[in-house]
Each structure stands twice: as structure tokens, then as C-alpha cells.
Amino acid sequence: MLTAHDLELRAGARTLLEHTSFRVAPGDRVGLVGRNGAGKTTLTKVLAGQANPEAGQVTRSGEVGYLPQDPRTGDLTVLARDRILSARGLDTIVRDLRKAEAQMGDEDEERREKAMRRYTRLDHEFQAQGGYAAESEAASIASALALTERLLDQPLQTLSGGQRRRVELSRILFSGAQTLLLDEPTNHLDADSIGWLRDYLRAYKGGLIIISHDVEMLDTVVTRVFHLDANRAELDQYNMGWKTYLQQRETDERRRKRERQNAEKKASALFGQADKMRAKATKATAAQNMAKRAERLLAGLETERQQDRVAKLRFPKPSPCGRTPLMAEGLSRSYGSLEIFTDVDLAIDRGSRVVVLGLNGAGKTTLLRILAGVDDPDTGEVQPGHGLKLGYYAQEHENLDMDRSVLDNMKSAAPDLGETETRKVLGSFLFSGEDVLKPTRVLSGGEKTRLSLALLVVSSANVLLLDEPTNNLDPASREEILGALRGYEGAVVLVTHDEGAVSALEPERVLMLPDGVEDHWNPDYLDLVTLA
């Protein structure tokens, strides 16, 4: 069970939440919603014990499993399988078992017998902790999240960002935690994995808080809704499912508006009457009392919810360039003996639109990193054409300097832009006042996405490389991106699981990885987008 008492959260000088209390009991499945930057990620970090509240306290009964938006693991040399097993402390025993098993083949009899005794002892310890059944359970969860046996036997450093995130999700689900805090768990999942996760969470017996922009996930899973209102710094709690919540919220808004209109009408009449009575000395006290009554009437009203602000996004007017600003020939990339893709050719003409498809791990992100000049290919080369100006959106936000402020990141991307104009652009992306001075590392996933997109807007790029640009965004912000894609005049190379993003792009060509096969786009490929 998770209990929050009188919480207060701040981001710099801005109050995100104040005087808030709630409890999440076993069987509660809570959908935490609100616009990007409202404080959802900050709240889950506090609930997980990874950050401290400004005031109030959190009480946790039992283990809490927390999946952040941007999970990071310290040791990337660890095998994916061992990372999952570490959730129950079984990874060390498994590694020692492997080591002892290898030593059992030693030519020296004494070392061989010593290894056999050690293996027997470790095996008993492993079984006592339910090891073999647990190992099977971990493999089952991983398989449902599209992590094959081959991937589980690889070091984390050889996996794509999406694969590492699925390893972390598998680890959290395998942990046996009594409470789960999941921040955008469907990011990087294919359609089958998302369907499995919905069923898993719907049957989960512990407490759950989930942040998700997947409406079907919320509709299927949640039994309660917490709406974090960025304008009022309040958490509205609804003990109902998703569809009922949407209806109730709309009803509440109509009621608030009606009550405010009635109260304002009555208060206006009282103020008017009080003004008339003040002219007579004998009625001055009565006039004062009438005015106070009007003030109390207005003070007792619930605050009318303001419309959430949405970042206004328009991709840049592309700089002039030649007919083919970006080319690549014979690109290949491997991790050790594992071949990711080989012999990929690509020609990006001015204004062309290309979508890259392939299963998770096929090398989509790796290809974009190579095209952006972040990584080098094992073979082949990228050839910039006349006037090429690249804009790269990285799904893991590697293009941002996490130790610098929001403002400093923007100044680095557009050094010729004046301070006033820089702040104006940031303001259109909902970074205003002291928000621009915040270190980038404290931003939520949605805020990092907005900042990354702001960097593109000032880039005047004529070729955009976009890697999952709609991840972590609320529906209104996602629609802004889709609208910007439709209106952009430059060339785009897009990697996404979002069918809406592909439809907005209206691609001319598709590149299939890992084989590097290129084809003209046709609507039949749309069925592969969510599967890839």
C-alpha cells in the first residue's frame, strides 16, 4: 500500500502540487493524467522514493517497482537476462553457477572437484529461492514483451534503446513488487506486447499508478483516475474508470461554469446595491455587510479549470540545398559478432519523405544516429550533399546537454538568435520565466521532447531525422507535431510506432530494416507500423 499525506511539490519557483493526500491500496489501478509538465513524472519519482517532496510524506508498505520514462542502468556489460533476474537478487547466483559450470571442465582434478562442490551448493541455494521457476517466469514475461532468447543472452550495451526499456519493464514486472509505478510503459512496444501488457495489468492484484497517453490502455486497466491540474496545482481524484471519468469531468466543468455565472450575477447585484446604499450615512454599515456577503459568495466558488496550454509547433523553413542533400552507401553496423544491418543505401532528395520500418532491434535508431553523424558505420559512408542542414530528434534525448539549462541548450542550437527571440521561441514551447533556467536533467519526458522540438524549430534544417517524435506527449501536443509534419517543406526520415505520425507524413518511400530493402510507400505498409 502507498500513502501520501499533505504533499507539496515544486519545480523551481512553480508549485506543482500542494496539500494533497491519497492512498493506493492493493487492487487500485490508478491512471495519473495531466498535460506535459504538470508534474506527473515528478510525483511518481517522489512516490518511488527517488526524490523528496517540498513538504508532506509518503509511506510505503512493501516493495515499490518504478519504471521511469527514461530508465538508465549503470553497468551496460550485464546480460539482459541477468538484469531481469536481478529484481529478485538471482542474477549473482546465476553468474556464479555459470562460472562454476565452466570450471567443472578444468583439466586439473582438484579444481574440477572444487567447482563441482561449489556448483552443488549454488544449485541448492538457487532452488531454495525458487530459482528455476522464477527463471521460467522471467523468460515468459520477457518473451511476451518481444525479448527473444538471443536478445536475453546479449549485454545491454548491444541492445537498442527500445530493447533496453523492455528489459527494464520486464524486470519491474518480474520483481514481485506490491505497488507498480509505470511512466509511459507502452513506449517502444509493438502492438502484440501492448495487448499483453494491458491484460497483465488488468489482472494485477497489487496497487498500480500508470502514466500513459494510450487511451485504450487507460480504458482497459484503470479503476481510478488522478488528474494533475497544472493551473490549480491540485490533484483531482475520481474513483471510477476512464470513460466514466471523462464524462464526470465534463459534467464537473459545466457545473463549475454554471455556479460561477450564477454567483457572479448575484455578487454583481449585491455590489450594485451596496454602492447605492453607501450614499446614505445611515446605511453605510449595511452597505459594507452587503459587499462582504458578495465577496464571500465569490470566494466560496471552486476555481474554474483553465484550458491547458499547448506548445505551438511549426518546423523550420528549410535552408536552400541541392537536389539530393543526403546520401548513404553500403552502410553496415554490428555489435561484436551480432550483425544489425548490412549494405544499406539511401538517397534523400530535397523535400522527400521516407519512413523506416523494422522490428525492434532491426537498427532503426542506429541508422538515424549514423545519418546524423552521432555514430560511425562499420562499413560504408554518409555523403552530405550541397547545402545539407540536418535536424536530428533523438528518442532518448541524447541531443540535449542534461547538465545545462533549458536556455543554454537553446543558445547552443541557435547562437545567432538574440536573448529576447530565444526566450520567445521557448515561450511558445511553454518554457517561460524561471522555467528556462532549470537544468535539463530535471525535466519530464514530455518537457524534454518539447525542448528537443524547439531546437529543431530554430535549426532551419532541410533534412529532419525524427526518431519516435510523438513519444511522451499528451494528445494535444501530439496533434501539434502531426500538424507540423504535414506542413514541413523539407525532407524527413521518420522512425515511429505511431500510425498517425506516418499518415501525417504521407511518405513517398519506405526503407525496411535490417535488409535495407527500399520500396514505394503504399497503405498496406501502415499495418506494419505498430508491429515494428
Protein backbone atom coordinates (compact mmCIF):
# COMPACT_ATOMS: atom_id res chain seq x y z
CA MET A 1 0.00 0.00 0.00
CA LEU A 2 1.14 3.54 -0.80
CA THR A 3 0.01 6.56 1.21
CA ALA A 4 0.74 10.23 0.51
CA HIS A 5 -0.06 12.79 3.23
CA ASP A 6 -0.23 16.56 2.69
CA LEU A 7 2.24 16.51 -0.22
CA GLU A 8 3.68 19.66 -1.71
CA LEU A 9 5.77 19.53 -4.90
CA ARG A 10 7.67 22.34 -6.57
CA ALA A 11 9.70 22.81 -9.75
CA GLY A 12 11.86 25.86 -9.09
CA ALA A 13 9.53 28.66 -8.06
CA ARG A 14 6.48 26.95 -9.57
CA THR A 15 4.14 24.98 -7.31
CA LEU A 16 3.10 21.71 -8.94
CA LEU A 17 1.00 20.33 -6.09
CA GLU A 18 0.05 21.36 -2.58
CA HIS A 19 -1.85 19.94 0.42
CA THR A 20 -2.55 16.67 -1.37
CA SER A 21 -3.29 13.33 0.30
CA PHE A 22 -4.32 9.98 -1.16
CA ARG A 23 -3.93 6.24 -0.71
CA VAL A 24 -3.34 3.48 -3.26
CA ALA A 25 -4.41 0.10 -1.87
CA PRO A 26 -3.97 -3.41 -3.34
CA GLY A 27 -6.28 -3.75 -6.33
CA ASP A 28 -6.34 0.01 -7.05
CA ARG A 29 -5.27 0.73 -10.61
CA VAL A 30 -4.81 4.48 -10.93
CA GLY A 31 -4.39 6.40 -14.17
CA LEU A 32 -2.32 9.54 -13.49
CA VAL A 33 -3.13 12.09 -16.20
CA GLY A 34 -2.48 15.76 -16.96
CA ARG A 35 -0.72 17.83 -19.59
CA ASN A 36 3.03 17.58 -20.22
CA GLY A 37 4.93 19.42 -17.50
CA ALA A 38 2.08 19.26 -14.97
CA GLY A 39 4.27 17.23 -12.60
CA LYS A 40 3.23 13.61 -13.23
CA THR A 41 6.81 12.33 -13.52
CA THR A 42 7.90 14.40 -10.50
CA LEU A 43 5.07 12.92 -8.43
CA THR A 44 5.94 9.32 -9.37
CA LYS A 45 9.61 9.94 -8.53
CA VAL A 46 8.59 11.17 -5.09
CA LEU A 47 6.26 8.20 -4.58
CA ALA A 48 9.08 5.85 -5.61
CA GLY A 49 11.47 7.44 -3.12
CA GLN A 50 13.81 8.79 -5.82
CA ALA A 51 13.05 12.42 -4.97
CA ASN A 52 11.88 14.30 -1.90
CA PRO A 53 8.71 16.39 -1.66
CA GLU A 54 8.83 20.04 -0.66
CA ALA A 55 6.55 19.11 2.23
CA GLY A 56 4.48 16.16 3.40
CA GLN A 57 5.41 12.50 3.47
CA VAL A 58 5.00 9.21 1.61
CA THR A 59 4.54 5.87 3.39
CA ARG A 60 5.23 2.64 1.52
CA SER A 61 4.13 -0.81 2.65
CA GLY A 62 6.03 -3.44 0.70
CA GLU A 63 8.29 -3.14 -2.32
CA VAL A 64 7.64 -0.50 -4.98
CA GLY A 65 8.55 -1.21 -8.61
CA TYR A 66 9.24 2.00 -10.54
CA LEU A 67 9.65 2.29 -14.32
CA PRO A 68 10.78 5.83 -15.20
CA GLN A 69 10.23 7.32 -18.65
CA ASP A 70 13.94 7.24 -19.35
CA PRO A 71 15.39 4.23 -17.48
CA ARG A 72 19.15 4.15 -17.09
CA THR A 73 21.27 1.22 -15.96
CA GLY A 74 24.76 1.68 -14.62
CA ASP A 75 26.51 -1.41 -15.98
CA LEU A 76 25.72 -1.96 -19.65
CA THR A 77 28.00 -5.01 -19.80
CA VAL A 78 25.44 -7.04 -17.83
CA LEU A 79 23.45 -9.60 -19.82
CA ALA A 80 19.80 -8.69 -20.39
CA ARG A 81 18.68 -11.92 -18.70
CA ASP A 82 20.77 -11.16 -15.61
CA ARG A 83 19.39 -7.62 -15.44
CA ILE A 84 15.85 -9.02 -15.24
CA LEU A 85 16.78 -11.66 -12.68
CA SER A 86 18.46 -9.01 -10.51
CA ALA A 87 14.97 -7.83 -9.50
CA ARG A 88 14.86 -10.80 -7.09
CA GLY A 89 18.59 -10.98 -6.41
CA LEU A 90 19.01 -14.13 -8.54
CA ASP A 91 21.48 -12.70 -11.04
CA THR A 92 24.53 -13.18 -8.82
CA ILE A 93 23.74 -16.85 -8.17
CA VAL A 94 23.16 -17.46 -11.89
CA ARG A 95 26.51 -15.87 -12.79
CA ASP A 96 28.29 -17.95 -10.13
CA LEU A 97 26.57 -21.09 -11.43
CA ARG A 98 27.81 -20.35 -14.96
CA LYS A 99 31.32 -19.77 -13.68
CA ALA A 100 31.32 -22.99 -11.64
CA GLU A 101 29.90 -24.91 -14.61
CA ALA A 102 32.75 -23.67 -16.80
CA GLN A 103 35.33 -24.62 -14.16
CA MET A 104 33.89 -28.15 -13.93
CA GLY A 105 35.57 -28.82 -17.27
CA ASP A 106 39.01 -27.91 -15.93
CA GLU A 107 41.75 -30.43 -16.62
CA ASP A 108 43.01 -30.18 -13.04
CA GLU A 109 41.09 -32.75 -10.98
CA GLU A 110 41.29 -30.80 -7.71
CA ARG A 111 39.93 -27.60 -9.30
CA ARG A 112 37.28 -29.64 -11.12
CA GLU A 113 36.05 -31.29 -7.90
CA LYS A 114 36.08 -27.97 -6.08
CA ALA A 115 33.96 -26.45 -8.85
CA MET A 116 31.51 -29.38 -8.67
CA ARG A 117 31.05 -28.91 -4.91
CA ARG A 118 30.56 -25.19 -5.43
CA TYR A 119 28.06 -25.81 -8.23
CA THR A 120 26.06 -28.22 -6.00
CA ARG A 121 25.95 -25.69 -3.17
CA LEU A 122 24.89 -22.85 -5.50
CA ASP A 123 22.27 -25.04 -7.16
CA HIS A 124 20.70 -25.84 -3.77
CA GLU A 125 20.70 -22.14 -2.92
CA PHE A 126 19.14 -21.29 -6.30
CA GLN A 127 16.38 -23.88 -5.86
CA ALA A 128 15.70 -22.72 -2.29
CA GLN A 129 14.93 -19.26 -3.70
CA GLY A 130 12.57 -20.74 -6.29
CA GLY A 131 15.21 -20.14 -8.92
CA TYR A 132 14.19 -22.41 -11.78
CA ALA A 133 10.51 -21.49 -11.58
CA ALA A 134 11.47 -17.83 -11.26
CA GLU A 135 13.81 -18.08 -14.24
CA SER A 136 10.97 -19.57 -16.28
CA GLU A 137 8.64 -16.76 -15.14
CA ALA A 138 11.19 -14.11 -16.11
CA ALA A 139 11.64 -15.71 -19.54
CA SER A 140 7.87 -15.81 -20.04
CA ILE A 141 7.48 -12.10 -19.25
CA ALA A 142 10.43 -11.20 -21.47
CA SER A 143 9.05 -13.26 -24.35
CA ALA A 144 5.65 -11.52 -24.06
CA LEU A 145 7.50 -8.21 -24.42
CA ALA A 146 9.24 -9.42 -27.61
CA LEU A 147 12.61 -10.15 -25.99
CA THR A 148 13.89 -13.33 -27.63
CA GLU A 149 16.31 -15.83 -26.09
CA ARG A 150 19.03 -14.41 -28.34
CA LEU A 151 18.46 -10.90 -27.00
CA LEU A 152 18.38 -12.07 -23.39
CA ASP A 153 21.85 -13.56 -23.79
CA GLN A 154 23.31 -10.26 -25.06
CA PRO A 155 24.91 -7.47 -22.99
CA LEU A 156 22.68 -4.42 -22.54
CA GLN A 157 25.14 -2.27 -24.48
CA THR A 158 24.36 -4.21 -27.67
CA LEU A 159 20.61 -3.58 -27.41
CA SER A 160 18.66 -0.69 -28.86
CA GLY A 161 17.09 1.93 -26.59
CA GLY A 162 13.68 0.33 -27.09
CA GLN A 163 15.01 -3.14 -26.22
CA ARG A 164 16.70 -1.85 -23.04
CA ARG A 165 13.46 -0.22 -21.98
CA ARG A 166 11.62 -3.52 -22.47
CA VAL A 167 14.28 -5.23 -20.35
CA GLU A 168 13.58 -2.69 -17.58
CA LEU A 169 9.83 -3.20 -17.89
CA SER A 170 10.33 -6.99 -17.71
CA ARG A 171 12.49 -6.51 -14.62
CA ILE A 172 9.84 -4.41 -12.86
CA LEU A 173 7.02 -6.85 -13.67
CA PHE A 174 9.18 -9.79 -12.55
CA SER A 175 10.16 -8.10 -9.29
CA GLY A 176 7.01 -9.14 -7.42
CA ALA A 177 6.57 -5.59 -6.13
CA GLN A 178 3.40 -4.86 -4.18
CA THR A 179 3.00 -1.48 -5.92
CA LEU A 180 3.90 -0.60 -9.50
CA LEU A 181 4.62 2.94 -10.73
CA LEU A 182 4.81 2.87 -14.53
CA ASP A 183 5.65 6.01 -16.50
CA GLU A 184 4.66 5.55 -20.18
CA PRO A 185 5.22 1.76 -20.19
CA THR A 186 3.98 1.33 -23.79
CA ASN A 187 6.78 3.42 -25.30
CA HIS A 188 8.77 1.25 -27.77
CA LEU A 189 6.34 -1.68 -27.51
CA ASP A 190 4.79 -3.32 -30.55
CA ALA A 191 1.04 -3.93 -30.80
CA ASP A 192 1.18 -7.51 -29.51
CA SER A 193 3.28 -6.53 -26.48
CA ILE A 194 0.92 -3.66 -25.66
CA GLY A 195 -2.04 -6.03 -25.79
CA TRP A 196 -0.28 -8.47 -23.45
CA LEU A 197 0.65 -5.67 -21.04
CA ARG A 198 -2.96 -4.45 -20.88
CA ASP A 199 -4.13 -7.94 -19.90
CA TYR A 200 -1.30 -8.33 -17.37
CA LEU A 201 -2.04 -5.03 -15.62
CA ARG A 202 -5.79 -5.58 -15.64
CA ALA A 203 -5.23 -8.81 -13.65
CA TYR A 204 -2.56 -7.32 -11.35
CA LYS A 205 -3.51 -7.71 -7.67
CA GLY A 206 -1.23 -5.04 -6.20
CA GLY A 207 -1.51 -1.27 -6.34
CA LEU A 208 -0.77 0.44 -9.65
CA ILE A 209 -0.19 4.01 -10.79
CA ILE A 210 0.26 4.36 -14.53
CA ILE A 211 1.08 7.40 -16.64
CA SER A 212 0.07 6.75 -20.22
CA HIS A 213 -1.21 8.54 -23.29
CA ASP A 214 -2.52 5.22 -24.62
CA VAL A 215 -6.27 5.76 -24.27
CA GLU A 216 -7.06 2.08 -24.79
CA MET A 217 -4.61 1.17 -22.01
CA LEU A 218 -6.32 3.59 -19.62
CA ASP A 219 -9.79 2.42 -20.64
CA THR A 220 -8.86 -1.25 -20.18
CA VAL A 221 -6.81 -1.06 -16.99
CA VAL A 222 -7.63 1.80 -14.63
CA THR A 223 -10.26 1.77 -11.89
CA ARG A 224 -9.42 5.25 -10.55
CA VAL A 225 -8.15 8.46 -12.16
CA PHE A 226 -5.94 11.16 -10.66
CA HIS A 227 -5.94 14.34 -12.76
CA LEU A 228 -3.00 16.63 -12.01
CA ASP A 229 -4.14 20.16 -12.86
CA ALA A 230 -1.15 22.31 -13.80
CA ASN A 231 -3.13 25.53 -13.49
CA ARG A 232 -4.51 24.95 -9.99
CA ALA A 233 -1.67 22.80 -8.52
CA GLU A 234 -4.31 20.30 -7.43
CA LEU A 235 -4.87 16.57 -7.81
CA ASP A 236 -8.49 15.78 -8.67
CA GLN A 237 -9.34 12.22 -7.61
CA TYR A 238 -12.03 10.20 -9.37
CA ASN A 239 -12.93 6.74 -8.06
CA MET A 240 -14.13 5.44 -11.40
CA GLY A 241 -12.94 4.02 -14.71
CA TRP A 242 -11.61 6.02 -17.63
CA LYS A 243 -14.75 6.56 -19.71
CA THR A 244 -16.84 7.43 -16.67
CA TYR A 245 -14.10 9.85 -15.57
CA LEU A 246 -14.19 11.66 -18.92
CA GLN A 247 -17.97 12.05 -18.63
CA GLN A 248 -17.75 13.15 -14.97
CA ARG A 249 -15.01 15.67 -15.68
CA GLU A 250 -17.10 17.24 -18.42
CA THR A 251 -20.10 17.35 -16.05
CA ASP A 252 -17.95 18.95 -13.32
CA GLU A 253 -16.75 21.63 -15.72
CA ARG A 254 -20.28 22.51 -16.77
CA ARG A 255 -21.33 22.66 -13.10
CA ARG A 256 -18.39 24.91 -12.17
CA LYS A 257 -19.14 27.24 -15.05
CA ARG A 258 -22.87 27.41 -14.19
CA GLU A 259 -22.20 28.02 -10.47
CA ARG A 260 -19.68 30.73 -11.27
CA GLN A 261 -22.06 32.51 -13.64
CA ASN A 262 -24.88 32.43 -11.06
CA ALA A 263 -22.61 33.58 -8.23
CA GLU A 264 -21.12 36.39 -10.30
CA LYS A 265 -24.60 37.56 -11.24
CA LYS A 266 -25.73 37.61 -7.58
CA ALA A 267 -22.48 39.24 -6.41
CA SER A 268 -22.79 41.95 -9.08
CA ALA A 269 -26.31 42.75 -7.87
CA LEU A 270 -25.13 42.91 -4.23
CA PHE A 271 -22.18 45.17 -5.09
CA GLY A 272 -24.51 47.44 -7.06
CA GLN A 273 -26.98 47.66 -4.17
CA ALA A 274 -24.14 48.32 -1.71
CA ASP A 275 -22.85 51.20 -3.85
CA LYS A 276 -26.29 52.82 -3.81
CA MET A 277 -26.64 52.42 -0.02
CA ARG A 278 -23.21 53.96 0.69
CA ALA A 279 -24.57 57.36 -0.35
CA LYS A 280 -26.68 57.40 2.83
CA ALA A 281 -24.73 57.62 6.08
CA THR A 282 -27.42 55.70 7.96
CA LYS A 283 -26.97 52.71 5.67
CA ALA A 284 -23.14 52.65 5.46
CA THR A 285 -22.82 49.65 7.78
CA ALA A 286 -25.48 47.72 5.89
CA ALA A 287 -23.71 48.52 2.59
CA GLN A 288 -20.43 47.24 3.99
CA ASN A 289 -22.05 44.00 5.15
CA MET A 290 -23.68 43.54 1.74
CA ALA A 291 -20.32 43.97 -0.04
CA LYS A 292 -18.70 41.42 2.31
CA ARG A 293 -21.50 38.99 1.56
CA ALA A 294 -20.82 39.37 -2.17
CA GLU A 295 -17.09 38.75 -1.60
CA ARG A 296 -17.81 35.58 0.43
CA LEU A 297 -20.08 34.37 -2.35
CA LEU A 298 -17.26 34.63 -4.90
CA ALA A 299 -14.59 33.29 -2.53
CA GLY A 300 -16.58 30.08 -1.94
CA LEU A 301 -16.56 29.12 -5.60
CA GLU A 302 -14.49 26.26 -6.95
CA THR A 303 -11.84 27.53 -9.33
CA GLU A 304 -12.92 27.17 -12.93
CA ARG A 305 -10.43 24.94 -14.71
CA GLN A 306 -8.40 26.87 -17.24
CA GLN A 307 -7.74 25.44 -20.67
CA ASP A 308 -4.38 23.65 -20.73
CA ARG A 309 -1.79 25.47 -22.81
CA VAL A 310 -0.30 23.61 -25.77
CA ALA A 311 3.08 24.20 -27.39
CA LYS A 312 2.76 25.85 -30.79
CA LEU A 313 4.97 23.93 -33.16
CA ARG A 314 5.96 24.71 -36.72
CA PHE A 315 9.01 23.07 -38.21
CA PRO A 316 11.54 25.48 -39.76
CA LYS A 317 11.55 26.93 -43.23
CA PRO A 318 14.24 24.72 -44.79
CA SER A 319 17.51 26.26 -45.93
CA PRO A 320 18.23 26.07 -49.66
CA CYS A 321 20.00 22.88 -50.73
CA GLY A 322 20.87 20.76 -53.74
CA ARG A 323 18.69 18.13 -55.32
CA THR A 324 19.96 15.32 -53.05
CA PRO A 325 21.15 16.80 -49.72
CA LEU A 326 21.86 13.43 -48.04
CA MET A 327 23.15 10.12 -49.38
CA ALA A 328 24.48 6.93 -47.81
CA GLU A 329 26.15 3.94 -49.45
CA GLY A 330 26.93 0.46 -48.14
CA LEU A 331 26.18 1.18 -44.50
CA SER A 332 26.54 -1.73 -42.05
CA ARG A 333 26.66 -1.97 -38.29
CA SER A 334 27.38 -4.81 -35.87
CA TYR A 335 27.85 -5.23 -32.13
CA GLY A 336 30.57 -7.81 -31.69
CA SER A 337 29.54 -10.83 -33.72
CA LEU A 338 25.91 -9.64 -33.88
CA GLU A 339 25.07 -8.09 -37.24
CA ILE A 340 22.41 -5.38 -37.02
CA PHE A 341 22.09 -4.41 -40.69
CA THR A 342 24.32 -4.54 -43.74
CA ASP A 343 24.78 -2.86 -47.13
CA VAL A 344 22.12 -0.15 -46.70
CA ASP A 345 21.93 2.50 -49.46
CA LEU A 346 19.81 5.61 -49.12
CA ALA A 347 19.30 8.80 -51.13
CA ILE A 348 17.26 11.59 -49.55
CA ASP A 349 16.12 14.06 -52.18
CA ARG A 350 15.05 17.60 -51.42
CA GLY A 351 11.59 17.52 -49.82
CA SER A 352 11.30 13.72 -49.90
CA ARG A 353 9.58 11.73 -47.14
CA VAL A 354 10.85 8.34 -46.02
CA VAL A 355 9.62 6.09 -43.20
CA VAL A 356 11.97 3.45 -41.78
CA LEU A 357 10.31 0.21 -40.66
CA GLY A 358 11.64 -2.90 -38.94
CA LEU A 359 11.19 -4.96 -35.81
CA ASN A 360 12.64 -3.71 -32.54
CA GLY A 361 16.39 -4.25 -32.73
CA ALA A 362 16.50 -4.09 -36.53
CA GLY A 363 18.68 -0.98 -36.30
CA LYS A 364 16.26 1.89 -36.99
CA THR A 365 17.64 4.16 -34.27
CA THR A 366 21.21 3.11 -35.10
CA LEU A 367 20.69 4.08 -38.75
CA LEU A 368 19.39 7.55 -37.79
CA ARG A 369 22.33 8.05 -35.42
CA ILE A 370 24.73 7.19 -38.25
CA LEU A 371 22.95 9.53 -40.68
CA ALA A 372 23.10 12.27 -38.01
CA GLY A 373 26.84 11.74 -37.52
CA VAL A 374 26.44 10.65 -33.90
CA ASP A 375 27.73 7.10 -34.59
CA ASP A 376 30.07 5.74 -37.25
CA PRO A 377 29.16 2.82 -39.52
CA ASP A 378 31.33 -0.29 -39.60
CA THR A 379 31.39 -0.05 -43.39
CA GLY A 380 30.10 2.43 -45.94
CA GLU A 381 29.80 6.17 -45.66
CA VAL A 382 27.32 9.02 -45.33
CA GLN A 383 27.70 11.65 -48.04
CA PRO A 384 26.35 15.15 -47.32
CA GLY A 385 25.04 16.93 -50.41
CA HIS A 386 25.21 20.60 -51.31
CA GLY A 387 23.70 22.83 -48.61
CA LEU A 388 22.77 19.98 -46.24
CA LYS A 389 21.50 21.18 -42.88
CA LEU A 390 20.43 18.35 -40.57
CA GLY A 391 17.95 18.45 -37.71
CA TYR A 392 18.02 15.35 -35.51
CA TYR A 393 15.38 14.40 -32.94
CA ALA A 394 16.74 11.60 -30.72
CA GLN A 395 14.20 9.39 -28.92
CA GLU A 396 16.43 9.16 -25.83
CA HIS A 397 17.11 12.94 -25.94
CA GLU A 398 20.87 12.38 -26.34
CA ASN A 399 20.98 15.64 -28.32
CA LEU A 400 20.33 17.58 -25.08
CA ASP A 401 23.05 18.54 -22.59
CA MET A 402 21.45 17.40 -19.35
CA ASP A 403 23.78 19.49 -17.17
CA ARG A 404 22.95 22.75 -18.93
CA SER A 405 19.81 24.83 -18.55
CA VAL A 406 16.93 24.92 -20.98
CA LEU A 407 18.03 28.39 -22.11
CA ASP A 408 21.68 27.37 -22.60
CA ASN A 409 20.64 24.37 -24.73
CA MET A 410 18.70 26.73 -26.97
CA LYS A 411 21.57 29.23 -27.20
CA SER A 412 23.91 26.42 -28.28
CA ALA A 413 21.49 25.36 -31.03
CA ALA A 414 20.95 28.94 -32.28
CA PRO A 415 23.94 31.08 -31.23
CA ASP A 416 22.95 33.91 -33.61
CA LEU A 417 19.49 34.23 -32.08
CA GLY A 418 19.17 37.09 -29.60
CA GLU A 419 18.16 36.55 -25.96
CA THR A 420 14.69 38.02 -26.47
CA GLU A 421 13.97 35.93 -29.56
CA THR A 422 15.34 32.79 -27.87
CA ARG A 423 13.04 33.28 -24.89
CA LYS A 424 10.14 33.98 -27.26
CA VAL A 425 10.66 30.62 -29.00
CA LEU A 426 10.94 28.84 -25.65
CA GLY A 427 7.75 30.56 -24.51
CA SER A 428 5.88 29.11 -27.48
CA PHE A 429 7.02 25.70 -26.22
CA LEU A 430 5.67 26.52 -22.71
CA PHE A 431 9.05 27.38 -21.14
CA SER A 432 8.68 30.80 -19.55
CA GLY A 433 10.06 32.80 -16.64
CA GLU A 434 12.35 30.79 -14.38
CA ASP A 435 11.49 27.55 -16.23
CA VAL A 436 14.13 28.41 -18.84
CA LEU A 437 16.82 28.37 -16.14
CA LYS A 438 16.04 24.81 -14.95
CA PRO A 439 18.70 22.14 -15.55
CA THR A 440 17.54 19.96 -18.44
CA ARG A 441 18.01 16.78 -16.40
CA VAL A 442 15.07 17.68 -14.11
CA LEU A 443 12.59 17.98 -16.99
CA SER A 444 9.90 15.38 -17.52
CA GLY A 445 9.97 13.22 -20.65
CA GLY A 446 7.31 15.41 -22.28
CA GLU A 447 9.25 18.59 -21.44
CA LYS A 448 12.46 17.13 -22.89
CA THR A 449 10.51 16.29 -26.02
CA ARG A 450 9.26 19.88 -26.25
CA LEU A 451 12.78 21.26 -25.78
CA SER A 452 14.19 18.92 -28.44
CA LEU A 453 11.48 20.07 -30.84
CA ALA A 454 12.23 23.71 -30.00
CA LEU A 455 15.85 23.10 -31.06
CA LEU A 456 14.58 21.82 -34.42
CA VAL A 457 12.41 24.90 -34.93
CA VAL A 458 15.43 27.24 -34.77
CA SER A 459 17.65 24.94 -36.84
CA SER A 460 16.45 25.92 -40.36
CA ALA A 461 17.16 22.26 -41.23
CA ASN A 462 16.35 20.99 -44.69
CA VAL A 463 16.53 17.31 -43.65
CA LEU A 464 14.83 16.17 -40.42
CA LEU A 465 15.76 12.83 -38.84
CA LEU A 466 12.91 12.05 -36.42
CA ASP A 467 13.13 9.09 -34.03
CA GLU A 468 9.79 8.48 -32.25
CA PRO A 469 8.91 12.20 -32.01
CA THR A 470 5.42 11.60 -30.53
CA ASN A 471 6.57 9.57 -27.51
CA ASN A 472 5.75 11.04 -24.06
CA LEU A 473 3.37 13.66 -25.48
CA ASP A 474 -0.18 14.39 -24.37
CA PRO A 475 -2.84 14.19 -27.13
CA ALA A 476 -2.95 17.94 -27.78
CA SER A 477 0.85 18.22 -28.13
CA ARG A 478 0.89 15.15 -30.37
CA GLU A 479 -1.62 16.81 -32.68
CA GLU A 480 0.67 19.85 -32.88
CA ILE A 481 3.53 17.65 -34.07
CA LEU A 482 1.36 15.90 -36.64
CA GLY A 483 0.21 19.26 -37.97
CA ALA A 484 3.81 20.46 -38.18
CA LEU A 485 4.80 17.32 -40.10
CA ARG A 486 2.04 17.91 -42.63
CA GLY A 487 3.22 21.46 -43.30
CA TYR A 488 7.01 20.96 -43.35
CA GLU A 489 8.56 21.60 -46.76
CA GLY A 490 11.91 19.88 -46.21
CA ALA A 491 12.90 16.20 -46.33
CA VAL A 492 12.01 13.84 -43.47
CA VAL A 493 13.32 10.43 -42.43
CA LEU A 494 10.94 9.09 -39.79
CA VAL A 495 11.13 6.20 -37.31
CA THR A 496 7.89 5.68 -35.36
CA HIS A 497 5.38 3.21 -33.93
CA ASP A 498 2.66 5.87 -34.33
CA GLU A 499 0.34 5.25 -37.29
CA GLY A 500 -0.92 8.83 -37.00
CA ALA A 501 2.60 10.19 -37.48
CA VAL A 502 3.07 8.11 -40.64
CA SER A 503 -0.29 9.23 -42.00
CA ALA A 504 0.59 12.88 -41.31
CA LEU A 505 3.96 12.47 -43.05
CA GLU A 506 2.37 11.00 -46.20
CA PRO A 507 5.62 9.16 -47.06
CA GLU A 508 6.74 8.51 -50.60
CA ARG A 509 9.11 5.66 -49.75
CA VAL A 510 9.71 3.03 -47.10
CA LEU A 511 13.03 1.51 -46.04
CA MET A 512 12.79 -1.95 -44.44
CA LEU A 513 15.49 -2.95 -41.96
CA PRO A 514 17.60 -4.98 -41.39
CA ASP A 515 17.67 -5.96 -45.07
CA GLY A 516 17.79 -2.40 -46.39
CA VAL A 517 15.06 -3.04 -48.96
CA GLU A 518 13.52 0.17 -50.32
CA ASP A 519 10.07 0.41 -51.85
CA HIS A 520 7.44 2.95 -52.84
CA TRP A 521 5.03 3.58 -49.99
CA ASN A 522 1.58 2.05 -50.16
CA PRO A 523 -1.17 1.86 -47.49
CA ASP A 524 -0.51 -1.85 -46.90
CA TYR A 525 2.68 -0.88 -45.06
CA LEU A 526 0.64 1.01 -42.47
CA ASP A 527 -0.31 -2.31 -40.86
CA LEU A 528 3.39 -2.89 -40.11
CA VAL A 529 3.94 0.39 -38.26
CA THR A 530 2.63 -0.63 -34.82
CA LEU A 531 4.06 -4.15 -35.24
CA ALA A 532 7.53 -2.76 -35.85
